[in-house]
């Protein structure tokens, strides 16, 4: 990934498009675009990412990862009460 930042902007854009994960190709919007546009934090963004890809990549393991991040969100909310 660091290699991408040393490239020219045009090369970097091409490299990023060529490396788009196949497990997101069937979605109308890329998870990272949704996450950014909705200003989600790290934990919320990871929930979206794992929920979007679980059927095409990680299966039940990705669902478990989403649960882990949801639990972190809940812990944060509970500590704010």
N, C-alpha and C. Protein backbone atom coordinates (compact mmCIF):
# COMPACT_ATOMS: atom_id res chain seq x y z
N UNK A 1 0.83 -1.19 0.00
CA UNK A 1 0.00 0.00 0.00
C UNK A 1 0.87 1.25 0.00
N UNK A 2 1.95 1.26 0.74
CA UNK A 2 2.84 2.41 0.77
C UNK A 2 3.34 2.73 -0.62
N UNK A 3 3.55 1.73 -1.42
CA UNK A 3 4.01 1.92 -2.79
C UNK A 3 3.08 2.83 -3.56
N UNK A 4 1.80 2.74 -3.32
CA UNK A 4 0.82 3.57 -4.03
C UNK A 4 1.03 5.05 -3.78
N UNK A 5 1.48 5.42 -2.60
CA UNK A 5 1.64 6.82 -2.28
C UNK A 5 2.89 7.43 -2.89
N UNK A 6 3.81 6.62 -3.39
CA UNK A 6 5.00 7.12 -4.05
C UNK A 6 4.79 7.29 -5.54
N UNK A 7 3.65 6.86 -6.06
CA UNK A 7 3.36 6.95 -7.48
C UNK A 7 2.71 8.30 -7.80
N UNK A 8 2.73 8.64 -9.08
CA UNK A 8 2.03 9.85 -9.51
C UNK A 8 0.54 9.63 -9.29
N UNK A 9 -0.23 10.73 -9.17
CA UNK A 9 -1.68 10.57 -8.94
C UNK A 9 -2.38 9.73 -10.00
N UNK A 10 -1.98 9.88 -11.29
CA UNK A 10 -2.63 9.08 -12.34
C UNK A 10 -2.30 7.60 -12.18
N UNK A 11 -1.04 7.28 -11.91
CA UNK A 11 -0.65 5.88 -11.71
C UNK A 11 -1.34 5.31 -10.49
N UNK A 12 -1.40 6.12 -9.43
CA UNK A 12 -2.03 5.66 -8.19
C UNK A 12 -3.50 5.34 -8.44
N UNK A 13 -4.22 6.22 -9.15
CA UNK A 13 -5.64 5.99 -9.45
C UNK A 13 -5.82 4.70 -10.25
N UNK A 14 -4.97 4.48 -11.25
CA UNK A 14 -5.05 3.27 -12.05
C UNK A 14 -4.79 2.04 -11.18
N UNK A 15 -3.77 2.10 -10.32
CA UNK A 15 -3.44 0.97 -9.46
C UNK A 15 -4.57 0.64 -8.51
N UNK A 16 -5.20 1.67 -7.95
CA UNK A 16 -6.28 1.44 -7.01
C UNK A 16 -7.48 0.82 -7.72
N UNK A 17 -7.79 1.29 -8.94
CA UNK A 17 -8.91 0.72 -9.68
C UNK A 17 -8.63 -0.72 -10.09
N UNK A 18 -7.41 -1.02 -10.46
CA UNK A 18 -7.06 -2.38 -10.85
C UNK A 18 -7.10 -3.35 -9.68
N UNK A 19 -6.93 -2.82 -8.47
CA UNK A 19 -6.88 -3.69 -7.31
C UNK A 19 -8.20 -3.71 -6.54
N UNK A 20 -9.26 -3.13 -7.10
CA UNK A 20 -10.56 -3.17 -6.43
C UNK A 20 -10.95 -4.62 -6.18
N UNK A 21 -11.29 -4.91 -4.93
CA UNK A 21 -11.65 -6.29 -4.59
C UNK A 21 -12.86 -6.79 -5.36
N UNK A 22 -12.79 -8.01 -5.83
CA UNK A 22 -13.89 -8.61 -6.60
C UNK A 22 -15.14 -8.82 -5.73
N UNK A 23 -14.93 -9.02 -4.41
CA UNK A 23 -16.07 -9.29 -3.54
C UNK A 23 -16.96 -8.06 -3.34
N UNK A 24 -16.57 -6.89 -3.84
CA UNK A 24 -17.41 -5.71 -3.79
C UNK A 24 -17.98 -5.35 -5.16
N UNK A 25 -17.61 -6.07 -6.19
CA UNK A 25 -17.98 -5.71 -7.57
C UNK A 25 -19.48 -5.80 -7.85
N UNK A 26 -20.21 -6.57 -7.08
CA UNK A 26 -21.65 -6.70 -7.31
C UNK A 26 -22.47 -5.64 -6.57
N UNK A 27 -21.80 -4.76 -5.83
CA UNK A 27 -22.51 -3.74 -5.05
C UNK A 27 -22.66 -2.45 -5.85
N UNK A 28 -23.78 -1.75 -5.69
CA UNK A 28 -23.97 -0.50 -6.43
C UNK A 28 -23.06 0.64 -5.94
N UNK A 29 -22.58 0.56 -4.70
CA UNK A 29 -21.66 1.55 -4.16
C UNK A 29 -20.59 0.82 -3.36
N UNK A 30 -19.33 1.23 -3.54
CA UNK A 30 -18.23 0.62 -2.79
C UNK A 30 -18.40 0.95 -1.31
N UNK A 31 -18.15 -0.02 -0.42
CA UNK A 31 -18.28 0.26 1.01
C UNK A 31 -17.46 1.47 1.46
N UNK A 32 -16.24 1.66 0.93
CA UNK A 32 -15.44 2.80 1.40
C UNK A 32 -16.05 4.13 0.97
N UNK A 33 -16.75 4.14 -0.17
CA UNK A 33 -17.45 5.36 -0.58
C UNK A 33 -18.62 5.64 0.37
N UNK A 34 -19.39 4.60 0.70
CA UNK A 34 -20.51 4.74 1.63
C UNK A 34 -20.01 5.21 2.99
N UNK A 35 -18.93 4.60 3.48
CA UNK A 35 -18.36 4.93 4.78
C UNK A 35 -17.92 6.39 4.81
N UNK A 36 -17.22 6.81 3.77
CA UNK A 36 -16.73 8.19 3.71
C UNK A 36 -17.88 9.19 3.60
N UNK A 37 -18.81 8.93 2.71
CA UNK A 37 -19.92 9.87 2.49
C UNK A 37 -20.80 10.03 3.72
N UNK A 38 -20.88 8.99 4.53
CA UNK A 38 -21.70 9.03 5.73
C UNK A 38 -20.91 9.35 6.99
N UNK A 39 -19.61 9.64 6.80
CA UNK A 39 -18.72 10.04 7.91
C UNK A 39 -18.77 9.05 9.08
N UNK A 40 -18.69 7.75 8.73
CA UNK A 40 -18.70 6.72 9.76
C UNK A 40 -17.33 6.63 10.41
N UNK A 41 -17.32 6.29 11.69
CA UNK A 41 -16.03 6.13 12.36
C UNK A 41 -15.44 4.75 12.03
N UNK A 42 -14.28 4.46 12.60
CA UNK A 42 -13.56 3.23 12.29
C UNK A 42 -14.40 1.98 12.56
N UNK A 43 -15.02 1.91 13.73
CA UNK A 43 -15.79 0.73 14.10
C UNK A 43 -17.01 0.58 13.20
N UNK A 44 -17.74 1.67 12.98
CA UNK A 44 -18.92 1.62 12.12
C UNK A 44 -18.54 1.24 10.69
N UNK A 45 -17.45 1.80 10.21
CA UNK A 45 -16.99 1.49 8.86
C UNK A 45 -16.65 0.02 8.69
N UNK A 46 -16.04 -0.57 9.70
CA UNK A 46 -15.71 -1.99 9.62
C UNK A 46 -16.95 -2.86 9.64
N UNK A 47 -17.97 -2.45 10.37
CA UNK A 47 -19.24 -3.20 10.36
C UNK A 47 -19.79 -3.21 8.94
N UNK A 48 -19.82 -2.05 8.30
CA UNK A 48 -20.32 -1.95 6.92
C UNK A 48 -19.49 -2.84 6.00
N UNK A 49 -18.17 -2.74 6.11
CA UNK A 49 -17.28 -3.51 5.24
C UNK A 49 -17.54 -5.01 5.37
N UNK A 50 -17.59 -5.51 6.60
CA UNK A 50 -17.76 -6.95 6.78
C UNK A 50 -19.16 -7.44 6.40
N UNK A 51 -20.16 -6.62 6.66
CA UNK A 51 -21.52 -7.01 6.27
C UNK A 51 -21.64 -7.06 4.75
N UNK A 52 -21.01 -6.11 4.07
CA UNK A 52 -21.09 -6.06 2.60
C UNK A 52 -20.39 -7.23 1.92
N UNK A 53 -19.35 -7.74 2.54
CA UNK A 53 -18.56 -8.75 1.83
C UNK A 53 -18.75 -10.17 2.32
N UNK A 54 -19.50 -10.41 3.37
CA UNK A 54 -19.50 -11.72 4.01
C UNK A 54 -19.92 -12.84 3.07
N UNK A 55 -20.86 -12.61 2.18
CA UNK A 55 -21.33 -13.68 1.29
C UNK A 55 -20.31 -14.02 0.22
N UNK A 56 -19.49 -13.05 -0.17
CA UNK A 56 -18.57 -13.24 -1.29
C UNK A 56 -17.11 -13.41 -0.89
N UNK A 57 -16.82 -13.30 0.41
CA UNK A 57 -15.42 -13.44 0.81
C UNK A 57 -15.26 -14.29 2.06
N UNK A 58 -15.58 -13.72 3.21
CA UNK A 58 -15.21 -14.36 4.47
C UNK A 58 -16.25 -15.24 5.12
N UNK A 59 -17.46 -15.26 4.57
CA UNK A 59 -18.51 -16.10 5.14
C UNK A 59 -18.83 -15.72 6.58
N UNK A 60 -19.13 -16.71 7.37
CA UNK A 60 -19.53 -16.50 8.76
C UNK A 60 -18.42 -15.80 9.56
N UNK A 61 -17.16 -16.01 9.21
CA UNK A 61 -16.08 -15.30 9.90
C UNK A 61 -16.23 -13.79 9.77
N UNK A 62 -16.64 -13.32 8.60
CA UNK A 62 -16.86 -11.88 8.44
C UNK A 62 -18.04 -11.41 9.27
N UNK A 63 -19.07 -12.23 9.42
CA UNK A 63 -20.18 -11.86 10.29
C UNK A 63 -19.72 -11.75 11.74
N UNK A 64 -18.85 -12.65 12.16
CA UNK A 64 -18.30 -12.59 13.52
C UNK A 64 -17.47 -11.33 13.71
N UNK A 65 -16.72 -10.95 12.68
CA UNK A 65 -15.93 -9.72 12.77
C UNK A 65 -16.85 -8.52 12.90
N UNK A 66 -17.95 -8.51 12.14
CA UNK A 66 -18.92 -7.41 12.24
C UNK A 66 -19.48 -7.34 13.66
N UNK A 67 -19.79 -8.48 14.23
CA UNK A 67 -20.30 -8.52 15.61
C UNK A 67 -19.28 -7.94 16.58
N UNK A 68 -18.01 -8.28 16.38
CA UNK A 68 -16.94 -7.76 17.25
C UNK A 68 -16.93 -6.23 17.22
N UNK A 69 -17.03 -5.65 16.02
CA UNK A 69 -17.03 -4.19 15.92
C UNK A 69 -18.31 -3.59 16.50
N UNK A 70 -19.44 -4.26 16.33
CA UNK A 70 -20.68 -3.78 16.94
C UNK A 70 -20.54 -3.79 18.47
N UNK A 71 -19.93 -4.82 19.00
CA UNK A 71 -19.72 -4.89 20.46
C UNK A 71 -18.83 -3.75 20.93
N UNK A 72 -17.82 -3.37 20.14
CA UNK A 72 -16.95 -2.24 20.49
C UNK A 72 -17.76 -0.93 20.50
N UNK A 73 -18.67 -0.78 19.55
CA UNK A 73 -19.52 0.42 19.52
C UNK A 73 -20.38 0.45 20.78
N UNK A 74 -20.96 -0.68 21.14
CA UNK A 74 -21.81 -0.77 22.34
C UNK A 74 -21.00 -0.45 23.58
N UNK A 75 -19.78 -0.98 23.68
CA UNK A 75 -18.91 -0.68 24.83
C UNK A 75 -18.67 0.81 24.95
N UNK A 76 -18.42 1.45 23.83
CA UNK A 76 -18.19 2.90 23.83
C UNK A 76 -19.42 3.67 24.28
N UNK A 77 -20.58 3.22 23.84
CA UNK A 77 -21.83 3.87 24.24
C UNK A 77 -22.08 3.67 25.73
N UNK A 78 -21.81 2.47 26.22
CA UNK A 78 -22.03 2.18 27.64
C UNK A 78 -21.09 3.00 28.53
N UNK A 79 -19.89 3.27 28.05
CA UNK A 79 -18.94 4.04 28.86
C UNK A 79 -19.30 5.52 28.86
N UNK A 80 -20.15 5.95 27.92
CA UNK A 80 -20.58 7.35 27.86
C UNK A 80 -21.81 7.62 28.72
N UNK A 81 -22.42 6.56 29.26
CA UNK A 81 -23.66 6.74 30.06
C UNK A 81 -23.33 7.12 31.48
